[in-house]
C-alpha atoms as a PDB file:
ATOM      1  CA  MET A   1    -122.081 -19.517  55.103  1.00  0.00           C
ATOM      2  CA  SER A   2    -121.352 -17.222  58.051  1.00  0.00           C
ATOM      3  CA  VAL A   3    -119.593 -13.922  57.536  1.00  0.00           C
ATOM      4  CA  ILE A   4    -116.575 -15.257  59.446  1.00  0.00           C
ATOM      5  CA  ASP A   5    -116.345 -18.249  57.103  1.00  0.00           C
ATOM      6  CA  ALA A   6    -116.601 -15.936  54.090  1.00  0.00           C
ATOM      7  CA  PHE A   7    -113.771 -13.769  55.432  1.00  0.00           C
ATOM      8  CA  LEU A   8    -111.540 -16.788  56.115  1.00  0.00           C
ATOM      9  CA  ASP A   9    -112.231 -18.187  52.660  1.00  0.00           C
ATOM     10  CA  ALA A  10    -111.162 -14.848  51.186  1.00  0.00           C
ATOM     11  CA  LEU A  11    -107.933 -14.930  53.215  1.00  0.00           C
ATOM     12  CA  TRP A  12    -107.186 -18.410  51.959  1.00  0.00           C
ATOM     13  CA  LEU A  13    -107.997 -17.643  48.327  1.00  0.00           C
ATOM     14  CA  GLU A  14    -106.380 -14.222  48.075  1.00  0.00           C
ATOM     15  CA  GLN A  15    -103.407 -14.500  50.433  1.00  0.00           C
ATOM     16  CA  GLY A  16    -102.809 -18.231  50.721  1.00  0.00           C
ATOM     17  CA  ALA A  17    -103.142 -18.031  54.508  1.00  0.00           C
ATOM     18  CA  SER A  18    -102.035 -21.188  56.318  1.00  0.00           C
ATOM     19  CA  ASP A  19    -104.336 -23.405  58.382  1.00  0.00           C
ATOM     20  CA  HIS A  20    -102.590 -22.147  61.524  1.00  0.00           C
ATOM     21  CA  THR A  21    -103.245 -18.503  60.596  1.00  0.00           C
ATOM     22  CA  LEU A  22    -106.861 -19.193  59.686  1.00  0.00           C
ATOM     23  CA  ALA A  23    -107.439 -21.003  62.977  1.00  0.00           C
ATOM     24  CA  ALA A  24    -105.997 -18.048  64.933  1.00  0.00           C
ATOM     25  CA  TYR A  25    -108.218 -15.587  63.046  1.00  0.00           C
ATOM     26  CA  ARG A  26    -111.258 -17.770  63.698  1.00  0.00           C
ATOM     27  CA  ARG A  27    -110.532 -17.916  67.442  1.00  0.00           C
ATOM     28  CA  ASP A  28    -110.207 -14.133  67.675  1.00  0.00           C
ATOM     29  CA  LEU A  29    -113.329 -13.405  65.649  1.00  0.00           C
ATOM     30  CA  THR A  30    -115.424 -16.015  67.441  1.00  0.00           C
ATOM     31  CA  ALA A  31    -114.378 -14.619  70.837  1.00  0.00           C
ATOM     32  CA  TRP A  32    -115.261 -11.080  69.732  1.00  0.00           C
ATOM     33  CA  GLN A  33    -118.611 -12.223  68.331  1.00  0.00           C
ATOM     34  CA  SER A  34    -119.455 -14.062  71.555  1.00  0.00           C
ATOM     35  CA  HIS A  35    -118.595 -10.978  73.593  1.00  0.00           C
ATOM     36  CA  LEU A  36    -120.845  -8.804  71.428  1.00  0.00           C
ATOM     37  CA  GLU A  37    -123.722 -11.283  71.534  1.00  0.00           C
ATOM     38  CA  SER A  38    -123.512 -11.360  75.326  1.00  0.00           C
ATOM     39  CA  HIS A  39    -124.467  -7.666  75.146  1.00  0.00           C
ATOM     40  CA  GLY A  40    -127.161  -8.241  72.537  1.00  0.00           C
ATOM     41  CA  GLU A  41    -124.995  -6.737  69.775  1.00  0.00           C
ATOM     42  CA  ALA A  42    -124.004  -7.905  66.307  1.00  0.00           C
ATOM     43  CA  LEU A  43    -120.576  -8.626  64.843  1.00  0.00           C
ATOM     44  CA  LEU A  44    -121.167  -6.366  61.858  1.00  0.00           C
ATOM     45  CA  ALA A  45    -122.437  -3.394  63.905  1.00  0.00           C
ATOM     46  CA  PRO A  46    -120.562  -3.130  67.209  1.00  0.00           C
ATOM     47  CA  PRO A  47    -120.861   0.130  69.169  1.00  0.00           C
ATOM     48  CA  PRO A  48    -117.593   2.106  69.079  1.00  0.00           C
ATOM     49  CA  GLU A  49    -117.005   1.883  72.825  1.00  0.00           C
ATOM     50  CA  ARG A  50    -117.442  -1.892  73.088  1.00  0.00           C
ATOM     51  CA  LEU A  51    -113.984  -2.856  71.827  1.00  0.00           C
ATOM     52  CA  SER A  52    -112.161  -0.504  74.180  1.00  0.00           C
ATOM     53  CA  GLU A  53    -114.151  -1.928  77.102  1.00  0.00           C
ATOM     54  CA  TRP A  54    -113.352  -5.489  76.050  1.00  0.00           C
ATOM     55  CA  LEU A  55    -109.636  -4.808  75.645  1.00  0.00           C
ATOM     56  CA  ALA A  56    -109.548  -3.242  79.105  1.00  0.00           C
ATOM     57  CA  SER A  57    -111.283  -6.269  80.631  1.00  0.00           C
ATOM     58  CA  ARG A  58    -108.855  -8.611  78.836  1.00  0.00           C
ATOM     59  CA  ARG A  59    -105.907  -6.744  80.339  1.00  0.00           C
ATOM     60  CA  GLU A  60    -107.456  -7.151  83.787  1.00  0.00           C
ATOM     61  CA  GLU A  61    -107.804 -10.883  83.094  1.00  0.00           C
ATOM     62  CA  GLY A  62    -104.079 -11.119  82.400  1.00  0.00           C
ATOM     63  CA  TYR A  63    -103.911 -11.041  78.608  1.00  0.00           C
ATOM     64  CA  GLN A  64    -100.592  -9.634  77.426  1.00  0.00           C
ATOM     65  CA  LEU A  65    -100.146  -6.576  75.236  1.00  0.00           C
ATOM     66  CA  ARG A  66     -98.960  -8.772  72.356  1.00  0.00           C
ATOM     67  CA  SER A  67    -102.169 -10.837  72.527  1.00  0.00           C
ATOM     68  CA  ASN A  68    -104.375  -7.739  72.328  1.00  0.00           C
ATOM     69  CA  ALA A  69    -102.265  -6.357  69.476  1.00  0.00           C
ATOM     70  CA  ARG A  70    -102.777  -9.558  67.503  1.00  0.00           C
ATOM     71  CA  LEU A  71    -106.503  -9.457  68.236  1.00  0.00           C
ATOM     72  CA  LEU A  72    -106.765  -5.872  66.990  1.00  0.00           C
ATOM     73  CA  SER A  73    -104.867  -6.791  63.842  1.00  0.00           C
ATOM     74  CA  THR A  74    -107.366  -9.591  63.181  1.00  0.00           C
ATOM     75  CA  LEU A  75    -110.364  -7.310  63.700  1.00  0.00           C
ATOM     76  CA  ARG A  76    -108.844  -4.580  61.554  1.00  0.00           C
ATOM     77  CA  SER A  77    -108.380  -7.037  58.676  1.00  0.00           C
ATOM     78  CA  PHE A  78    -111.925  -8.350  59.124  1.00  0.00           C
ATOM     79  CA  TYR A  79    -113.636  -4.963  59.105  1.00  0.00           C
ATOM     80  CA  ARG A  80    -111.493  -3.710  56.228  1.00  0.00           C
ATOM     81  CA  TRP A  81    -112.625  -6.750  54.239  1.00  0.00           C
ATOM     82  CA  GLY A  82    -116.197  -6.093  55.402  1.00  0.00           C
ATOM     83  CA  ARG A  83    -116.155  -2.547  54.016  1.00  0.00           C
ATOM     84  CA  LEU A  84    -114.696  -3.648  50.687  1.00  0.00           C
ATOM     85  CA  ASN A  85    -117.407  -6.319  50.375  1.00  0.00           C
ATOM     86  CA  ASN A  86    -120.312  -4.156  51.573  1.00  0.00           C
ATOM     87  CA  GLN A  87    -120.786  -6.164  54.753  1.00  0.00           C
ATOM     88  CA  VAL A  88    -120.358  -3.114  57.008  1.00  0.00           C
ATOM     89  CA  THR A  89    -120.940   0.578  56.366  1.00  0.00           C
ATOM     90  CA  SER A  90    -118.240   1.906  58.704  1.00  0.00           C
ATOM     91  CA  ASP A  91    -115.102   0.635  60.421  1.00  0.00           C
ATOM     92  CA  PRO A  92    -115.597   0.498  64.219  1.00  0.00           C
ATOM     93  CA  LEU A  93    -111.826   0.474  64.723  1.00  0.00           C
ATOM     94  CA  THR A  94    -111.176   3.812  63.006  1.00  0.00           C
ATOM     95  CA  ASP A  95    -110.208   5.650  66.194  1.00  0.00           C
ATOM     96  CA  ILE A  96    -108.426   2.740  67.890  1.00  0.00           C
ATOM     97  CA  LYS A  97    -104.664   2.533  67.489  1.00  0.00           C
ATOM     98  CA  LEU A  98    -102.695  -0.683  67.590  1.00  0.00           C
ATOM     99  CA  PRO A  99    -100.576  -0.851  70.750  1.00  0.00           C
ATOM    100  CA  ARG A 100     -96.856  -0.640  70.073  1.00  0.00           C
ATOM    101  CA  VAL A 101     -95.294  -3.977  70.906  1.00  0.00           C
ATOM    102  CA  ILE A 102     -91.542  -4.059  71.427  1.00  0.00           C
ATOM    103  CA  PRO A 103     -90.390  -7.511  70.334  1.00  0.00           C
ATOM    104  CA  GLY A 104     -88.464  -9.526  72.884  1.00  0.00           C
ATOM    105  CA  LEU A 105     -85.131 -11.017  71.948  1.00  0.00           C
ATOM    106  CA  PRO A 106     -85.565 -14.628  70.798  1.00  0.00           C
ATOM    107  CA  ASN A 107     -84.062 -17.526  72.694  1.00  0.00           C
ATOM    108  CA  THR A 108     -80.996 -18.833  70.913  1.00  0.00           C
ATOM    109  CA  LEU A 109     -77.976 -21.066  71.527  1.00  0.00           C
ATOM    110  CA  GLU A 110     -74.247 -20.482  71.476  1.00  0.00           C
ATOM    111  CA  GLU A 111     -72.343 -22.248  68.715  1.00  0.00           C
ATOM    112  CA  ASP A 112     -70.817 -24.793  71.102  1.00  0.00           C
ATOM    113  CA  GLU A 113     -74.284 -25.587  72.481  1.00  0.00           C
ATOM    114  CA  VAL A 114     -75.593 -26.203  68.966  1.00  0.00           C
ATOM    115  CA  GLU A 115     -72.632 -28.520  68.355  1.00  0.00           C
ATOM    116  CA  ARG A 116     -73.417 -30.499  71.514  1.00  0.00           C
ATOM    117  CA  LEU A 117     -77.095 -30.738  70.536  1.00  0.00           C
ATOM    118  CA  LEU A 118     -76.243 -32.020  67.062  1.00  0.00           C
ATOM    119  CA  LEU A 119     -73.981 -34.687  68.556  1.00  0.00           C
ATOM    120  CA  ALA A 120     -76.557 -35.849  71.122  1.00  0.00           C
ATOM    121  CA  PRO A 121     -78.588 -38.431  69.094  1.00  0.00           C
ATOM    122  CA  ASP A 122     -77.342 -42.024  69.173  1.00  0.00           C
ATOM    123  CA  THR A 123     -76.470 -42.528  65.522  1.00  0.00           C
ATOM    124  CA  ASP A 124     -76.024 -46.271  65.986  1.00  0.00           C
ATOM    125  CA  THR A 125     -79.825 -46.506  65.792  1.00  0.00           C
ATOM    126  CA  PRO A 126     -82.202 -45.613  62.926  1.00  0.00           C
ATOM    127  CA  LEU A 127     -84.075 -43.180  65.181  1.00  0.00           C
ATOM    128  CA  GLY A 128     -80.839 -41.505  66.152  1.00  0.00           C
ATOM    129  CA  VAL A 129     -79.769 -41.144  62.515  1.00  0.00           C
ATOM    130  CA  ARG A 130     -83.173 -39.657  61.689  1.00  0.00           C
ATOM    131  CA  ASP A 131     -82.968 -37.170  64.557  1.00  0.00           C
ATOM    132  CA  ARG A 132     -79.384 -36.202  63.695  1.00  0.00           C
ATOM    133  CA  ALA A 133     -80.363 -35.573  60.066  1.00  0.00           C
ATOM    134  CA  MET A 134     -83.353 -33.479  61.157  1.00  0.00           C
ATOM    135  CA  LEU A 135     -81.308 -31.389  63.593  1.00  0.00           C
ATOM    136  CA  GLU A 136     -78.555 -30.841  61.023  1.00  0.00           C
ATOM    137  CA  LEU A 137     -81.088 -29.751  58.408  1.00  0.00           C
ATOM    138  CA  LEU A 138     -83.002 -27.538  60.846  1.00  0.00           C
ATOM    139  CA  TYR A 139     -79.857 -25.658  61.830  1.00  0.00           C
ATOM    140  CA  ALA A 140     -78.223 -25.601  58.385  1.00  0.00           C
ATOM    141  CA  CYS A 141     -81.298 -24.131  56.693  1.00  0.00           C
ATOM    142  CA  GLY A 142     -82.965 -22.140  59.481  1.00  0.00           C
ATOM    143  CA  LEU A 143     -86.271 -23.921  58.916  1.00  0.00           C
ATOM    144  CA  ARG A 144     -89.433 -23.561  60.929  1.00  0.00           C
ATOM    145  CA  VAL A 145     -90.306 -26.851  62.644  1.00  0.00           C
ATOM    146  CA  SER A 146     -93.526 -27.044  60.596  1.00  0.00           C
ATOM    147  CA  GLU A 147     -91.459 -26.673  57.406  1.00  0.00           C
ATOM    148  CA  LEU A 148     -89.071 -29.416  58.506  1.00  0.00           C
ATOM    149  CA  VAL A 149     -91.684 -32.050  59.348  1.00  0.00           C
ATOM    150  CA  GLY A 150     -93.637 -31.178  56.204  1.00  0.00           C
ATOM    151  CA  LEU A 151     -90.754 -31.996  53.857  1.00  0.00           C
ATOM    152  CA  THR A 152     -91.214 -34.744  51.277  1.00  0.00           C
ATOM    153  CA  GLY A 153     -88.487 -36.911  49.810  1.00  0.00           C
ATOM    154  CA  ASP A 154     -88.520 -35.097  46.476  1.00  0.00           C
ATOM    155  CA  ALA A 155     -87.929 -31.723  48.175  1.00  0.00           C
ATOM    156  CA  VAL A 156     -84.258 -32.597  48.735  1.00  0.00           C
ATOM    157  CA  ASN A 157     -81.765 -32.214  45.900  1.00  0.00           C
ATOM    158  CA  LEU A 158     -78.529 -33.928  46.922  1.00  0.00           C
ATOM    159  CA  ARG A 159     -76.812 -33.133  43.634  1.00  0.00           C
ATOM    160  CA  GLN A 160     -77.016 -29.403  44.273  1.00  0.00           C
ATOM    161  CA  ASN A 161     -77.298 -29.629  48.080  1.00  0.00           C
ATOM    162  CA  VAL A 162     -80.465 -27.562  48.272  1.00  0.00           C
ATOM    163  CA  VAL A 163     -83.881 -28.172  49.812  1.00  0.00           C
ATOM    164  CA  ARG A 164     -87.181 -26.833  48.511  1.00  0.00           C
ATOM    165  CA  VAL A 165     -89.134 -25.472  51.461  1.00  0.00           C
ATOM    166  CA  ARG A 166     -92.811 -24.599  51.500  1.00  0.00           C
ATOM    167  CA  GLY A 167     -93.229 -21.723  53.931  1.00  0.00           C
ATOM    168  CA  LYS A 168     -96.020 -19.444  55.064  1.00  0.00           C
ATOM    169  CA  GLY A 169     -98.662 -18.684  52.482  1.00  0.00           C
ATOM    170  CA  ASP A 170     -97.585 -21.821  50.565  1.00  0.00           C
ATOM    171  CA  LYS A 171     -94.611 -19.916  49.171  1.00  0.00           C
ATOM    172  CA  ASP A 172     -91.675 -22.057  48.086  1.00  0.00           C
ATOM    173  CA  ARG A 173     -88.022 -21.137  48.540  1.00  0.00           C
ATOM    174  CA  LEU A 174     -84.756 -22.947  47.806  1.00  0.00           C
ATOM    175  CA  VAL A 175     -82.302 -23.069  50.713  1.00  0.00           C
ATOM    176  CA  PRO A 176     -78.717 -24.411  50.544  1.00  0.00           C
ATOM    177  CA  MET A 177     -78.012 -27.227  52.996  1.00  0.00           C
ATOM    178  CA  GLY A 178     -74.234 -27.215  53.290  1.00  0.00           C
ATOM    179  CA  GLU A 179     -72.096 -30.342  53.048  1.00  0.00           C
ATOM    180  CA  GLU A 180     -72.525 -31.584  56.629  1.00  0.00           C
ATOM    181  CA  ALA A 181     -76.325 -31.536  56.541  1.00  0.00           C
ATOM    182  CA  ALA A 182     -76.378 -32.973  53.010  1.00  0.00           C
ATOM    183  CA  ASP A 183     -74.123 -35.862  54.083  1.00  0.00           C
ATOM    184  CA  TRP A 184     -76.412 -36.702  57.009  1.00  0.00           C
ATOM    185  CA  ILE A 185     -79.539 -36.485  54.836  1.00  0.00           C
ATOM    186  CA  ALA A 186     -77.946 -38.801  52.276  1.00  0.00           C
ATOM    187  CA  HIS A 187     -76.917 -41.257  55.000  1.00  0.00           C
ATOM    188  CA  TYR A 188     -80.390 -41.128  56.529  1.00  0.00           C
ATOM    189  CA  MET A 189     -82.184 -41.704  53.212  1.00  0.00           C
ATOM    190  CA  GLU A 190     -79.934 -44.630  52.313  1.00  0.00           C
ATOM    191  CA  THR A 191     -80.242 -46.373  55.687  1.00  0.00           C
ATOM    192  CA  ALA A 192     -82.510 -45.207  58.503  1.00  0.00           C
ATOM    193  CA  ARG A 193     -85.468 -44.036  56.423  1.00  0.00           C
ATOM    194  CA  LEU A 194     -85.769 -47.452  54.812  1.00  0.00           C
ATOM    195  CA  ALA A 195     -85.594 -49.083  58.244  1.00  0.00           C
ATOM    196  CA  LEU A 196     -88.210 -46.787  59.777  1.00  0.00           C
ATOM    197  CA  MET A 197     -90.844 -46.971  57.025  1.00  0.00           C
ATOM    198  CA  SER A 198     -92.954 -49.974  56.112  1.00  0.00           C
ATOM    199  CA  ASP A 199     -93.618 -48.313  52.748  1.00  0.00           C
ATOM    200  CA  PRO A 200     -90.632 -46.157  51.681  1.00  0.00           C
ATOM    201  CA  THR A 201     -92.576 -44.905  48.639  1.00  0.00           C
ATOM    202  CA  ARG A 202     -94.710 -42.734  50.950  1.00  0.00           C
ATOM    203  CA  PRO A 203     -93.879 -39.039  50.529  1.00  0.00           C
ATOM    204  CA  ALA A 204     -92.916 -38.018  54.080  1.00  0.00           C
ATOM    205  CA  LEU A 205     -89.167 -37.436  54.356  1.00  0.00           C
ATOM    206  CA  PHE A 206     -89.205 -37.823  58.136  1.00  0.00           C
ATOM    207  CA  PRO A 207     -91.848 -40.354  59.214  1.00  0.00           C
ATOM    208  CA  GLY A 208     -93.614 -40.577  62.518  1.00  0.00           C
ATOM    209  CA  ARG A 209     -96.210 -43.261  63.085  1.00  0.00           C
ATOM    210  CA  GLY A 210     -97.791 -45.149  60.223  1.00  0.00           C
ATOM    211  CA  ASP A 211     -95.369 -43.744  57.622  1.00  0.00           C
ATOM    212  CA  LYS A 212     -97.069 -40.331  57.988  1.00  0.00           C
ATOM    213  CA  ALA A 213     -95.085 -37.130  58.437  1.00  0.00           C
ATOM    214  CA  MET A 214     -93.870 -36.596  61.971  1.00  0.00           C
ATOM    215  CA  THR A 215     -95.868 -34.052  63.960  1.00  0.00           C
ATOM    216  CA  ARG A 216     -94.326 -30.823  65.252  1.00  0.00           C
ATOM    217  CA  GLN A 217     -95.088 -31.933  68.804  1.00  0.00           C
ATOM    218  CA  THR A 218     -93.223 -35.227  68.383  1.00  0.00           C
ATOM    219  CA  PHE A 219     -90.144 -33.565  66.960  1.00  0.00           C
ATOM    220  CA  TRP A 220     -90.169 -30.911  69.661  1.00  0.00           C
ATOM    221  CA  HIS A 221     -90.241 -33.678  72.265  1.00  0.00           C
ATOM    222  CA  ARG A 222     -87.218 -35.246  70.563  1.00  0.00           C
ATOM    223  CA  ILE A 223     -85.313 -31.937  70.697  1.00  0.00           C
ATOM    224  CA  LYS A 224     -85.942 -31.614  74.434  1.00  0.00           C
ATOM    225  CA  VAL A 225     -84.713 -35.171  75.011  1.00  0.00           C
ATOM    226  CA  HIS A 226     -81.504 -34.471  73.097  1.00  0.00           C
ATOM    227  CA  ALA A 227     -81.035 -31.138  74.877  1.00  0.00           C
ATOM    228  CA  ILE A 228     -80.971 -32.994  78.201  1.00  0.00           C
ATOM    229  CA  THR A 229     -78.377 -35.397  76.806  1.00  0.00           C
ATOM    230  CA  ALA A 230     -76.307 -32.422  75.602  1.00  0.00           C
ATOM    231  CA  GLY A 231     -76.462 -30.761  79.022  1.00  0.00           C
ATOM    232  CA  ILE A 232     -78.338 -27.705  77.739  1.00  0.00           C
ATOM    233  CA  THR A 233     -80.312 -26.179  80.588  1.00  0.00           C
ATOM    234  CA  ARG A 234     -81.420 -22.828  79.135  1.00  0.00           C
ATOM    235  CA  PRO A 235     -85.063 -22.534  78.000  1.00  0.00           C
ATOM    236  CA  LEU A 236     -85.692 -23.725  74.460  1.00  0.00           C
ATOM    237  CA  SER A 237     -88.481 -22.893  72.052  1.00  0.00           C
ATOM    238  CA  PRO A 238     -89.578 -24.586  68.819  1.00  0.00           C
ATOM    239  CA  HIS A 239     -87.696 -21.836  66.945  1.00  0.00           C
ATOM    240  CA  THR A 240     -84.443 -22.062  68.934  1.00  0.00           C
ATOM    241  CA  LEU A 241     -82.317 -23.554  66.151  1.00  0.00           C
ATOM    242  CA  ARG A 242     -83.895 -21.215  63.597  1.00  0.00           C
ATOM    243  CA  HIS A 243     -82.926 -18.288  65.813  1.00  0.00           C
ATOM    244  CA  ALA A 244     -79.413 -19.732  66.212  1.00  0.00           C
ATOM    245  CA  PHE A 245     -79.100 -20.117  62.435  1.00  0.00           C
ATOM    246  CA  ALA A 246     -79.902 -16.440  61.824  1.00  0.00           C
ATOM    247  CA  THR A 247     -77.861 -15.095  64.733  1.00  0.00           C
ATOM    248  CA  HIS A 248     -74.760 -17.118  63.896  1.00  0.00           C
ATOM    249  CA  LEU A 249     -74.921 -16.073  60.241  1.00  0.00           C
ATOM    250  CA  LEU A 250     -75.010 -12.405  61.249  1.00  0.00           C
ATOM    251  CA  ASN A 251     -72.241 -12.917  63.809  1.00  0.00           C
ATOM    252  CA  HIS A 252     -70.069 -14.226  60.977  1.00  0.00           C
ATOM    253  CA  GLY A 253     -70.800 -11.283  58.703  1.00  0.00           C
ATOM    254  CA  ALA A 254     -73.800 -12.374  56.615  1.00  0.00           C
ATOM    255  CA  ASN A 255     -75.884  -9.700  54.907  1.00  0.00           C
ATOM    256  CA  LEU A 256     -79.253  -9.083  56.574  1.00  0.00           C
ATOM    257  CA  ARG A 257     -81.158  -9.351  53.293  1.00  0.00           C
ATOM    258  CA  VAL A 258     -79.552 -12.720  52.571  1.00  0.00           C
ATOM    259  CA  VAL A 259     -80.690 -13.946  55.988  1.00  0.00           C
ATOM    260  CA  GLN A 260     -84.172 -12.601  55.213  1.00  0.00           C
ATOM    261  CA  LEU A 261     -84.326 -14.656  51.998  1.00  0.00           C
ATOM    262  CA  LEU A 262     -83.044 -17.803  53.701  1.00  0.00           C
ATOM    263  CA  LEU A 263     -85.586 -17.508  56.515  1.00  0.00           C
ATOM    264  CA  GLY A 264     -88.441 -16.800  54.104  1.00  0.00           C
ATOM    265  CA  HIS A 265     -89.419 -13.517  55.785  1.00  0.00           C
ATOM    266  CA  SER A 266     -91.605 -11.334  53.585  1.00  0.00           C
ATOM    267  CA  ASP A 267     -90.629  -8.188  55.505  1.00  0.00           C
ATOM    268  CA  LEU A 268     -87.059  -7.187  56.379  1.00  0.00           C
ATOM    269  CA  SER A 269     -88.264  -5.694  59.678  1.00  0.00           C
ATOM    270  CA  THR A 270     -89.048  -9.228  60.880  1.00  0.00           C
ATOM    271  CA  THR A 271     -85.431 -10.242  60.284  1.00  0.00           C
ATOM    272  CA  GLN A 272     -83.984  -7.157  61.970  1.00  0.00           C
ATOM    273  CA  ILE A 273     -84.667  -8.597  65.427  1.00  0.00           C
ATOM    274  CA  TYR A 274     -81.566 -10.746  64.896  1.00  0.00           C
ATOM    275  CA  THR A 275     -79.362  -7.669  64.623  1.00  0.00           C
ATOM    276  CA  HIS A 276     -80.409  -6.903  68.204  1.00  0.00           C
ATOM    277  CA  VAL A 277     -79.462 -10.434  69.250  1.00  0.00           C
ATOM    278  CA  ALA A 278     -76.045 -10.089  67.612  1.00  0.00           C
ATOM    279  CA  GLN A 279     -75.537  -6.674  69.262  1.00  0.00           C
ATOM    280  CA  ALA A 280     -76.548  -8.073  72.652  1.00  0.00           C
ATOM    281  CA  ARG A 281     -73.992 -10.855  72.197  1.00  0.00           C
ATOM    282  CA  LEU A 282     -71.241  -8.353  71.339  1.00  0.00           C
ATOM    283  CA  GLU A 283     -72.058  -6.250  74.401  1.00  0.00           C
ATOM    284  CA  SER A 284     -71.987  -9.354  76.601  1.00  0.00           C
ATOM    285  CA  LEU A 285     -68.577 -10.385  75.248  1.00  0.00           C
ATOM    286  CA  HIS A 286     -67.235  -6.854  75.738  1.00  0.00           C
ATOM    287  CA  ALA A 287     -68.455  -6.734  79.326  1.00  0.00           C
ATOM    288  CA  GLU A 288     -66.982 -10.140  80.063  1.00  0.00           C
ATOM    289  CA  HIS A 289     -63.554  -9.786  78.457  1.00  0.00           C
ATOM    290  CA  HIS A 290     -62.632  -6.104  78.215  1.00  0.00           C
ATOM    291  CA  PRO A 291     -60.572  -4.862  81.172  1.00  0.00           C
ATOM    292  CA  ARG A 292     -62.884  -1.864  81.513  1.00  0.00           C
ATOM    293  CA  GLY A 293     -66.039  -3.709  80.540  1.00  0.00           C
END
C-alpha cells in the first residue's frame, strides 16, 4: 500500500471522509508527488523551497488563490499525519502560511424567483411531479444536491414531517420539511414514484435510470431546464436553492445557530457567510427605495 493510500484510509476510518473529499485529496497529493518526482525528489522528503516554487508556478498557470489554499490544506493534513505515524521526521510546511481567502458571496435567488422555479415543472406528468417534489424538498430543507439524490424511501417520515439526511462525514441529521414539501412528497410517493419505477421496493426515493438513485448531474440538468421555463436568467449553481434556503431564513429572523444545524455545518463560521448575503440584500433594498439611498 502506498503512503497516499494509507493516509486516505486513515481519513476514512478516523474522520468518515466522503468519497468526494478523498478523491480531492488524492488528486492534490498525486499532483504534488508527480511534481517532486520530476525533480528527482520524494514525497516524504521534499526540500523546503520546492513547495513555494510550485505554488508560484501554479499562480502563473492561472490557478486561483482558493485552489492553492485547498492544496496547502491537503498537504498540511498529510504531513501532520506523516509525523504522527513516523512517516516523516519534519514538516516541510512549517514556515509556509495558508493564504487568506475571502469567501465570495454565494449565488442565491429572490423569494419570487424560487416560487417561479417551484411552479415550473409540469405536474400533469410523473416526471414533473417528481421534479416538483425534489425542488420543494431541496428548498424546504436546504439540502445539498448529493444529499437529495441520495435519499431513500425510509428517510422520509410523513407523520412527523421530517427527513433524515446523511451529510458530510456520514453524519445524520433530522430536518423538518414543512407542510408544502411534505404534501408534495406524499403525492409523489403515492403516484409518480410508482409510475417511474419498475420495482418500487428499490431504496432510491428519487429514481433515475434503472431504478437507481438519480445522479447529481441529471438533477442539475433538470433544475436548469426548469429555470429556463421560470424565466430565471441569473447564473445558478448546484447550491443555489440551499443558499436561498439559508438566506431567506435569516431574512425572516432565524437564529444563525439554528440555520447552522439545519444546513449540517460543523463550524458556525461556514454559516456566517449568509449573514453577509442578508446584509448585502438589505443594503440593496435601502439604496433602491430610500429617498437618500
